[in-house]
Amino acid sequence: MPSFIALAVFALAYALFVIFPKNRAWVAGAAAVMLMVTGVVSPTLVFLGEGGKESLISWNVMGIFVGTLILADLFIWSRVPHYVAELLVNRSRSVCWAMVKVCAFSGFLSIFAENVAVVLIVAPIAFALAEKLKTSPVPLIIGVTVSSNLQGTATLIGDPASMIFAEYAEVSFNDFFWYKGQGLGVFFAIQFGFLTSLPVLYGAFRHLNQKVELVAEEKVISWGPTVFLATMMLALAIASSLQAHDLLGAICMIWGLGGLIWYELLGRNDRERFPDTPWQILKRLDWDSALFLMGVFTLVGALVEKGWIDLFADWLKSVLGANLLVSYIVIIFLSMLVSAFVDNIPYLMAMIPLVMKLAAPGAGQEALLFGLLIAASLGGNITPIGASANIVGAGQLRARGYILGFREFGRIGLPFTLAATIPAAIFLYLLWVIF
């Protein structure tokens, strides 16, 4: 009976994620509580681990998530990304190239910060540029969100999906670049996808050939947060080299809290430059997503505990057979389709252990895992509700009187997704299966 309760609660929660995407955190939290109340999983197993098993909630991932959120908030305050973005725009030969640069810059920022934070950083620049040029900001905001979602997959700290992937597939920070000492990792596949998707962005703006008008340059408040981000990435790389994967969350939290302490020490005597208290910074972090992650960890952990993942893996293997290429293609397109309409976090958590059972390490498992991550992450670029960054971008547009529909978003989002995902998937398959 408990096993069927676990499956029913997961299915119900997943359906509610689709129907009420804005309330996904409360849905996930309530579903997790239901599993504990009904005795499917114990609170001890969920939060602390028991019987030699680790806790269902990965505190390592939670540390990475919260720590990077703190530094991203400080990074926004520093005005460094705004300053760099405006420098790029001011040195563009046409409006078209200025907009392509803004999109590319949002993607670059997403390598280091959460996608939603990046959209909030770049959106004001995008709106200011569109207003001065007397053109619609809609295509530019779409370009910013899809570029952000693309590059967020490139590193362990770029997106919650990458953090989940790293935890479940036992992948380190360095493995995103050079996978387990065997070959190129996800980072390079994403960069290949970025290059192949650039023509789509150029095509969306190619009619804007007028000379770009200069925007007022931002002044950097402090380079401190940039130093914290850079040194944190160096620490993550060193820890990964030493195989200290369980310390990654602690490192991010130490650097995040260190950034808060630094901010407060300097801000005590200069509230004009440092207007917020550490408590105010902590309060505005994305705690909804943190609660959502904890709830989904519990939901998927319950499925694993009750044997459903193994059962689904055996069924999928019987359907797909032993043909690795067929399995790869099905996983790529299924992941894109599902992630276009529902959050990719629960999907990834459920699919990673399942996909790992379809092939052994060295027999194509790497390609299947990388393909799953890329397709599940980029599939959200097909619709305005497929990723949190898209929803935030649509909200920014709505606040300024622009309503972003599925068709308008899909004109850029769909070809961008196909242009990035398919070449990246071919690149991975050739690299890890053929060669």
Protein backbone atom coordinates (compact mmCIF):
# COMPACT_ATOMS: atom_id res chain seq x y z
CA MET A 1 0.00 0.00 0.00
CA PRO A 2 2.72 2.61 0.83
CA SER A 3 4.30 2.08 -2.59
CA PHE A 4 1.04 2.96 -4.36
CA ILE A 5 0.59 6.00 -2.12
CA ALA A 6 4.08 7.18 -3.15
CA LEU A 7 3.19 6.82 -6.84
CA ALA A 8 -0.23 8.45 -6.45
CA VAL A 9 1.13 11.43 -4.52
CA PHE A 10 3.90 11.94 -7.09
CA ALA A 11 1.43 11.79 -10.00
CA LEU A 12 -0.98 14.19 -8.27
CA ALA A 13 1.80 16.63 -7.41
CA TYR A 14 3.14 16.53 -10.98
CA ALA A 15 -0.34 17.29 -12.35
CA LEU A 16 -0.69 20.22 -9.94
CA PHE A 17 2.72 21.55 -11.03
CA VAL A 18 1.24 21.85 -14.53
CA ILE A 19 -2.07 23.40 -13.41
CA PHE A 20 -0.68 25.73 -10.76
CA PRO A 21 2.93 26.52 -11.74
CA LYS A 22 3.05 29.62 -9.52
CA ASN A 23 2.20 27.50 -6.47
CA ARG A 24 4.62 24.69 -7.21
CA ALA A 25 6.59 25.21 -3.99
CA TRP A 26 3.52 24.78 -1.78
CA VAL A 27 2.35 21.79 -3.83
CA ALA A 28 5.73 20.07 -3.45
CA GLY A 29 5.90 20.89 0.26
CA ALA A 30 2.37 19.63 0.92
CA ALA A 31 3.02 16.43 -1.05
CA ALA A 32 6.19 15.77 0.95
CA VAL A 33 4.31 16.26 4.22
CA MET A 34 1.62 13.86 3.00
CA LEU A 35 4.23 11.18 2.34
CA MET A 36 5.61 11.59 5.85
CA VAL A 37 2.20 11.69 7.54
CA THR A 38 1.05 8.52 5.77
CA GLY A 39 4.25 6.73 6.76
CA VAL A 40 5.54 6.21 3.22
CA VAL A 41 8.84 7.77 4.31
CA SER A 42 9.91 8.84 7.77
CA PRO A 43 10.86 12.43 8.64
CA THR A 44 14.22 11.10 9.83
CA LEU A 45 14.95 9.57 6.41
CA VAL A 46 13.81 12.74 4.66
CA PHE A 47 15.91 15.19 6.65
CA LEU A 48 18.76 13.22 8.24
CA GLY A 49 18.93 9.74 6.73
CA GLU A 50 18.52 6.45 8.56
CA GLY A 51 19.59 2.83 8.40
CA GLY A 52 22.79 3.69 6.61
CA LYS A 53 20.90 5.63 3.94
CA GLU A 54 21.52 9.29 3.20
CA SER A 55 18.73 11.83 3.67
CA LEU A 56 16.29 12.11 0.77
CA ILE A 57 16.89 15.86 0.69
CA SER A 58 20.34 16.56 -0.71
CA TRP A 59 21.76 19.19 1.61
CA ASN A 60 24.75 19.39 -0.68
CA VAL A 61 22.55 20.65 -3.53
CA MET A 62 20.67 22.97 -1.18
CA GLY A 63 23.99 24.49 -0.07
CA ILE A 64 25.06 25.05 -3.67
CA PHE A 65 21.69 26.59 -4.50
CA VAL A 66 21.43 28.99 -1.54
CA GLY A 67 25.11 29.97 -1.56
CA THR A 68 25.08 30.90 -5.24
CA LEU A 69 21.79 32.79 -4.79
CA ILE A 70 23.42 35.02 -2.15
CA LEU A 71 26.38 35.82 -4.38
CA ALA A 72 24.08 36.41 -7.37
CA ASP A 73 22.12 38.96 -5.32
CA LEU A 74 25.34 40.75 -4.36
CA PHE A 75 26.49 40.56 -7.99
CA ILE A 76 23.33 42.38 -9.11
CA TRP A 77 23.86 45.05 -6.44
CA SER A 78 27.47 45.62 -7.58
CA ARG A 79 26.23 46.81 -11.03
CA VAL A 80 29.13 44.98 -12.69
CA PRO A 81 26.87 43.01 -15.09
CA HIS A 82 24.95 46.17 -16.02
CA TYR A 83 28.22 48.00 -16.66
CA VAL A 84 29.61 45.23 -18.88
CA ALA A 85 26.33 44.85 -20.80
CA GLU A 86 26.20 48.53 -21.63
CA LEU A 87 29.83 48.50 -22.76
CA LEU A 88 28.94 45.69 -25.18
CA VAL A 89 25.91 47.60 -26.50
CA ASN A 90 27.85 50.83 -26.93
CA ARG A 91 30.42 49.06 -29.09
CA SER A 92 27.91 47.46 -31.46
CA ARG A 93 27.75 48.51 -35.10
CA SER A 94 23.98 48.05 -35.41
CA VAL A 95 20.85 47.46 -33.33
CA CYS A 96 20.78 43.86 -34.53
CA TRP A 97 24.24 43.11 -33.19
CA ALA A 98 23.55 45.04 -29.98
CA MET A 99 20.57 42.79 -29.29
CA VAL A 100 22.50 39.62 -30.14
CA LYS A 101 25.24 40.76 -27.74
CA VAL A 102 22.70 41.38 -24.94
CA CYS A 103 21.31 37.86 -25.42
CA ALA A 104 24.80 36.34 -25.50
CA PHE A 105 25.77 38.27 -22.38
CA SER A 106 22.72 36.98 -20.52
CA GLY A 107 23.84 33.48 -21.46
CA PHE A 108 27.35 34.17 -20.21
CA LEU A 109 26.03 35.41 -16.86
CA SER A 110 23.91 32.28 -16.51
CA ILE A 111 27.05 30.18 -16.37
CA PHE A 112 27.65 31.69 -12.93
CA ALA A 113 24.22 32.70 -11.62
CA GLU A 114 20.67 31.34 -11.56
CA ASN A 115 18.63 32.05 -14.71
CA VAL A 116 15.90 34.03 -12.95
CA ALA A 117 18.49 36.34 -11.39
CA VAL A 118 20.09 36.84 -14.80
CA VAL A 119 16.78 37.83 -16.40
CA LEU A 120 16.23 40.35 -13.61
CA ILE A 121 19.75 41.72 -14.23
CA VAL A 122 19.47 42.05 -18.02
CA ALA A 123 15.76 42.92 -18.47
CA PRO A 124 16.14 46.62 -17.49
CA ILE A 125 18.97 46.99 -19.99
CA ALA A 126 16.87 45.29 -22.68
CA PHE A 127 13.87 47.55 -22.03
CA ALA A 128 16.01 50.69 -22.04
CA LEU A 129 17.61 49.67 -25.34
CA ALA A 130 14.24 48.88 -26.96
CA GLU A 131 12.73 52.17 -25.75
CA LYS A 132 15.56 54.29 -27.13
CA LEU A 133 15.37 52.47 -30.44
CA LYS A 134 11.57 52.68 -30.53
CA THR A 135 11.18 48.94 -31.14
CA SER A 136 9.26 46.21 -29.35
CA PRO A 137 11.14 44.67 -26.40
CA VAL A 138 9.33 41.34 -26.78
CA PRO A 139 11.81 39.57 -29.14
CA LEU A 140 14.75 40.82 -27.07
CA ILE A 141 13.29 39.58 -23.77
CA ILE A 142 12.58 36.20 -25.38
CA GLY A 143 16.17 36.09 -26.63
CA VAL A 144 17.46 36.93 -23.16
CA THR A 145 15.44 34.18 -21.46
CA VAL A 146 16.23 31.39 -23.94
CA SER A 147 19.94 32.30 -23.96
CA SER A 148 19.94 32.28 -20.17
CA ASN A 149 18.29 28.85 -20.03
CA LEU A 150 20.79 27.49 -22.55
CA GLN A 151 24.00 28.51 -20.82
CA GLY A 152 22.69 27.80 -17.31
CA THR A 153 23.13 24.12 -18.14
CA ALA A 154 26.85 24.51 -18.84
CA THR A 155 28.17 24.40 -15.25
CA LEU A 156 27.22 22.91 -11.91
CA ILE A 157 26.28 26.30 -10.43
CA GLY A 158 24.43 27.69 -13.45
CA ASP A 159 20.99 26.16 -12.93
CA PRO A 160 19.13 23.96 -10.39
CA ALA A 161 18.79 21.30 -13.10
CA SER A 162 22.58 21.07 -13.34
CA MET A 163 22.85 20.84 -9.55
CA ILE A 164 20.31 17.99 -9.53
CA PHE A 165 22.15 16.25 -12.36
CA ALA A 166 25.46 16.53 -10.51
CA GLU A 167 23.97 15.03 -7.34
CA TYR A 168 22.12 12.09 -8.88
CA ALA A 169 24.75 11.24 -11.51
CA GLU A 170 27.65 11.81 -9.08
CA VAL A 171 29.18 14.49 -11.28
CA SER A 172 31.67 17.05 -9.93
CA PHE A 173 32.18 20.69 -10.87
CA ASN A 174 35.14 19.78 -13.08
CA ASP A 175 33.20 16.94 -14.76
CA PHE A 176 31.08 19.49 -16.58
CA PHE A 177 34.26 20.42 -18.46
CA TRP A 178 36.27 17.16 -18.57
CA TYR A 179 34.05 14.24 -17.63
CA LYS A 180 35.73 11.86 -15.15
CA GLY A 181 39.05 12.27 -16.93
CA GLN A 182 37.68 10.61 -20.09
CA GLY A 183 36.58 13.37 -22.45
CA LEU A 184 34.77 16.65 -23.05
CA GLY A 185 31.78 17.32 -20.81
CA VAL A 186 28.43 19.10 -21.07
CA PHE A 187 30.01 22.57 -21.09
CA PHE A 188 31.46 22.13 -24.57
CA ALA A 189 28.28 20.60 -25.98
CA ILE A 190 26.38 23.65 -24.72
CA GLN A 191 28.90 26.01 -26.33
CA PHE A 192 28.48 24.12 -29.60
CA GLY A 193 24.70 24.49 -29.23
CA PHE A 194 25.17 28.19 -28.50
CA LEU A 195 27.08 28.67 -31.75
CA THR A 196 24.52 26.77 -33.82
CA SER A 197 21.63 28.73 -32.27
CA LEU A 198 23.15 32.17 -32.88
CA PRO A 199 21.70 32.37 -36.44
CA VAL A 200 18.21 32.07 -34.93
CA LEU A 201 18.83 35.11 -32.71
CA TYR A 202 20.38 37.02 -35.59
CA GLY A 203 17.36 36.18 -37.76
CA ALA A 204 14.99 37.55 -35.11
CA PHE A 205 16.75 40.94 -35.14
CA ARG A 206 18.23 41.15 -38.65
CA HIS A 207 15.66 43.76 -39.79
CA LEU A 208 17.01 46.23 -37.19
CA ASN A 209 19.93 47.61 -39.18
CA GLN A 210 19.95 51.17 -37.83
CA LYS A 211 22.95 52.39 -35.89
CA VAL A 212 22.72 51.78 -32.16
CA GLU A 213 22.18 54.79 -29.89
CA LEU A 214 24.55 54.97 -26.97
CA VAL A 215 23.07 54.27 -23.55
CA ALA A 216 24.30 55.95 -20.38
CA GLU A 217 27.08 53.86 -18.91
CA GLU A 218 26.58 52.34 -15.47
CA LYS A 219 29.08 52.91 -12.68
CA VAL A 220 30.35 49.91 -10.77
CA ILE A 221 29.58 50.11 -7.06
CA SER A 222 32.05 47.40 -6.08
CA TRP A 223 34.10 44.62 -7.69
CA GLY A 224 33.92 42.62 -4.45
CA PRO A 225 31.07 40.23 -5.47
CA THR A 226 32.89 39.48 -8.74
CA VAL A 227 35.96 38.44 -6.72
CA PHE A 228 33.79 36.26 -4.48
CA LEU A 229 32.23 34.52 -7.51
CA ALA A 230 35.60 33.94 -9.17
CA THR A 231 37.26 32.56 -6.04
CA MET A 232 34.25 30.35 -5.29
CA MET A 233 34.52 28.77 -8.72
CA LEU A 234 38.24 28.23 -8.13
CA ALA A 235 37.48 26.57 -4.78
CA LEU A 236 34.85 24.33 -6.42
CA ALA A 237 37.35 23.29 -9.09
CA ILE A 238 40.00 22.46 -6.47
CA ALA A 239 37.52 20.48 -4.34
CA SER A 240 36.40 18.54 -7.42
CA SER A 241 40.03 17.76 -8.29
CA LEU A 242 40.46 16.35 -4.79
CA GLN A 243 37.28 14.24 -5.19
CA ALA A 244 35.68 16.18 -2.31
CA HIS A 245 32.27 16.33 -4.00
CA ASP A 246 30.34 16.39 -0.73
CA LEU A 247 32.03 19.68 0.18
CA LEU A 248 30.68 21.64 -2.81
CA GLY A 249 27.55 22.75 -0.98
CA ALA A 250 29.56 23.79 2.07
CA ILE A 251 31.96 25.77 -0.12
CA CYS A 252 29.10 27.69 -1.76
CA MET A 253 27.53 28.43 1.62
CA ILE A 254 30.85 29.60 3.11
CA TRP A 255 31.47 31.93 0.17
CA GLY A 256 27.86 33.17 0.25
CA LEU A 257 27.95 33.90 3.97
CA GLY A 258 31.42 35.39 3.55
CA GLY A 259 29.96 37.76 0.96
CA LEU A 260 27.21 38.79 3.39
CA ILE A 261 29.72 39.44 6.17
CA TRP A 262 31.91 41.46 3.79
CA TYR A 263 28.86 43.48 2.70
CA GLU A 264 27.79 44.21 6.28
CA LEU A 265 31.27 45.21 7.50
CA LEU A 266 31.63 47.75 4.68
CA GLY A 267 28.01 48.85 4.85
CA ARG A 268 27.94 49.81 8.53
CA ASN A 269 29.63 53.10 7.75
CA ASP A 270 28.26 53.63 4.24
CA ARG A 271 24.53 52.89 3.98
CA GLU A 272 24.25 54.98 0.83
CA ARG A 273 26.32 52.48 -1.17
CA PHE A 274 25.28 49.44 0.92
CA PRO A 275 21.56 50.09 1.50
CA ASP A 276 20.40 46.63 2.63
CA THR A 277 21.10 44.59 5.72
CA PRO A 278 22.14 40.93 5.39
CA TRP A 279 18.69 39.97 6.70
CA GLN A 280 17.00 41.93 3.90
CA ILE A 281 19.20 40.20 1.33
CA LEU A 282 18.36 36.78 2.78
CA LYS A 283 14.63 37.57 2.85
CA ARG A 284 14.45 38.32 -0.88
CA LEU A 285 16.22 35.16 -2.01
CA ASP A 286 14.23 32.61 -4.02
CA TRP A 287 13.02 30.57 -1.04
CA ASP A 288 10.05 29.27 -3.07
CA SER A 289 12.44 27.37 -5.32
CA ALA A 290 14.34 26.11 -2.28
CA LEU A 291 11.12 24.69 -0.79
CA PHE A 292 10.21 23.23 -4.18
CA LEU A 293 13.56 21.45 -4.44
CA MET A 294 13.22 19.98 -0.95
CA GLY A 295 9.70 18.75 -1.69
CA VAL A 296 10.67 17.16 -5.00
CA PHE A 297 13.70 15.47 -3.41
CA THR A 298 11.24 13.81 -1.04
CA LEU A 299 8.76 12.85 -3.78
CA VAL A 300 11.35 11.25 -6.03
CA GLY A 301 13.19 9.72 -3.09
CA ALA A 302 9.97 7.97 -2.08
CA LEU A 303 9.64 6.52 -5.61
CA VAL A 304 13.19 5.20 -5.39
CA GLU A 305 12.61 3.77 -1.92
CA LYS A 306 9.50 1.89 -3.05
CA GLY A 307 11.12 0.45 -6.16
CA TRP A 308 9.15 2.36 -8.78
CA ILE A 309 12.23 3.75 -10.55
CA ASP A 310 13.66 0.25 -11.05
CA LEU A 311 10.29 -0.95 -12.33
CA PHE A 312 9.97 1.92 -14.81
CA ALA A 313 13.57 1.39 -15.95
CA ASP A 314 12.94 -2.28 -16.69
CA TRP A 315 9.76 -1.39 -18.60
CA LEU A 316 11.47 1.33 -20.63
CA LYS A 317 14.35 -0.99 -21.45
CA SER A 318 11.91 -3.64 -22.68
CA VAL A 319 10.18 -1.06 -24.91
CA LEU A 320 13.31 0.54 -26.34
CA GLY A 321 15.31 -2.66 -26.60
CA ALA A 322 19.09 -2.74 -26.76
CA ASN A 323 19.40 -0.13 -29.51
CA LEU A 324 21.32 2.75 -27.94
CA LEU A 325 20.63 5.19 -30.78
CA VAL A 326 16.87 4.63 -30.55
CA SER A 327 17.00 5.10 -26.77
CA TYR A 328 19.02 8.28 -27.21
CA ILE A 329 16.63 9.81 -29.75
CA VAL A 330 13.55 8.92 -27.67
CA ILE A 331 15.05 10.42 -24.53
CA ILE A 332 16.06 13.63 -26.34
CA PHE A 333 12.66 14.34 -27.89
CA LEU A 334 10.61 13.06 -24.95
CA SER A 335 12.60 15.29 -22.60
CA MET A 336 12.15 18.34 -24.82
CA LEU A 337 8.41 17.72 -25.10
CA VAL A 338 7.80 17.15 -21.40
CA SER A 339 9.98 20.07 -20.28
CA ALA A 340 8.20 22.44 -22.66
CA PHE A 341 5.14 22.33 -20.43
CA VAL A 342 6.17 21.19 -16.94
CA ASP A 343 9.06 21.91 -14.62
CA ASN A 344 12.16 19.91 -15.50
CA ILE A 345 13.33 19.37 -11.91
CA PRO A 346 10.99 16.49 -10.95
CA TYR A 347 11.34 15.04 -14.44
CA LEU A 348 15.15 15.04 -14.20
CA MET A 349 15.16 13.58 -10.70
CA ALA A 350 12.98 10.70 -11.81
CA MET A 351 14.71 10.10 -15.15
CA ILE A 352 18.40 10.21 -14.18
CA PRO A 353 18.45 6.95 -12.17
CA LEU A 354 16.18 5.41 -14.79
CA VAL A 355 18.44 6.39 -17.69
CA MET A 356 21.51 5.12 -15.84
CA LYS A 357 19.99 1.65 -15.96
CA LEU A 358 19.57 1.70 -19.74
CA ALA A 359 23.31 1.48 -20.41
CA ALA A 360 26.46 0.77 -18.45
CA PRO A 361 29.27 3.32 -17.99
CA GLY A 362 31.40 3.34 -21.12
CA ALA A 363 28.61 1.73 -23.16
CA GLY A 364 26.77 4.94 -23.98
CA GLN A 365 25.55 5.85 -20.49
CA GLU A 366 27.43 9.15 -20.62
CA ALA A 367 25.72 10.21 -23.85
CA LEU A 368 22.29 9.26 -22.47
CA LEU A 369 22.85 11.26 -19.29
CA PHE A 370 24.22 14.34 -21.06
CA GLY A 371 21.47 14.19 -23.68
CA LEU A 372 18.83 13.96 -20.95
CA LEU A 373 20.21 17.00 -19.12
CA ILE A 374 20.49 19.16 -22.23
CA ALA A 375 17.09 18.24 -23.69
CA ALA A 376 15.27 18.56 -20.36
CA SER A 377 16.90 21.92 -19.70
CA LEU A 378 16.45 23.39 -23.18
CA GLY A 379 12.95 22.00 -23.78
CA GLY A 380 11.68 24.73 -21.47
CA ASN A 381 12.61 27.26 -24.17
CA ILE A 382 9.76 26.11 -26.41
CA THR A 383 6.94 27.77 -24.41
CA PRO A 384 6.64 30.80 -22.10
CA ILE A 385 5.75 28.48 -19.18
CA GLY A 386 8.50 25.91 -19.70
CA ALA A 387 11.08 27.54 -17.42
CA SER A 388 11.07 29.91 -14.47
CA ALA A 389 13.14 32.45 -16.40
CA ASN A 390 10.50 32.49 -19.16
CA ILE A 391 7.74 33.15 -16.64
CA VAL A 392 9.73 35.99 -15.09
CA GLY A 393 10.46 37.47 -18.51
CA ALA A 394 6.77 37.31 -19.44
CA GLY A 395 5.94 39.00 -16.14
CA GLN A 396 8.39 41.81 -16.87
CA LEU A 397 6.73 42.32 -20.25
CA ARG A 398 3.23 42.20 -18.79
CA ALA A 399 4.15 44.90 -16.26
CA ARG A 400 4.93 47.16 -19.23
CA GLY A 401 1.77 46.36 -21.17
CA TYR A 402 3.04 43.54 -23.44
CA ILE A 403 1.23 40.19 -23.35
CA LEU A 404 3.49 37.31 -24.38
CA GLY A 405 1.58 34.41 -25.94
CA PHE A 406 2.60 30.87 -26.84
CA ARG A 407 2.73 31.56 -30.57
CA GLU A 408 4.89 34.68 -30.26
CA PHE A 409 7.29 32.99 -27.86
CA GLY A 410 7.45 29.86 -30.02
CA ARG A 411 8.52 31.81 -33.11
CA ILE A 412 11.90 32.29 -31.48
CA GLY A 413 11.86 29.65 -28.74
CA LEU A 414 11.11 26.61 -30.89
CA PRO A 415 13.72 27.14 -33.64
CA PHE A 416 16.23 28.25 -31.00
CA THR A 417 15.64 25.05 -29.01
CA LEU A 418 15.96 22.80 -32.05
CA ALA A 419 19.01 24.68 -33.35
CA ALA A 420 20.77 24.33 -29.99
CA THR A 421 19.63 20.90 -28.81
CA ILE A 422 19.91 18.74 -31.92
CA PRO A 423 23.48 19.76 -32.86
CA ALA A 424 24.56 19.48 -29.19
CA ALA A 425 22.96 16.01 -29.00
CA ILE A 426 24.72 14.90 -32.22
CA PHE A 427 28.00 16.29 -30.87
CA LEU A 428 27.60 14.26 -27.65
CA TYR A 429 26.62 11.05 -29.43
CA LEU A 430 29.57 11.24 -31.82
CA LEU A 431 31.94 12.05 -28.98
CA TRP A 432 30.82 9.42 -26.47
CA VAL A 433 29.44 6.60 -28.64
CA ILE A 434 30.99 6.71 -32.12
CA PHE A 435 34.49 7.95 -31.29
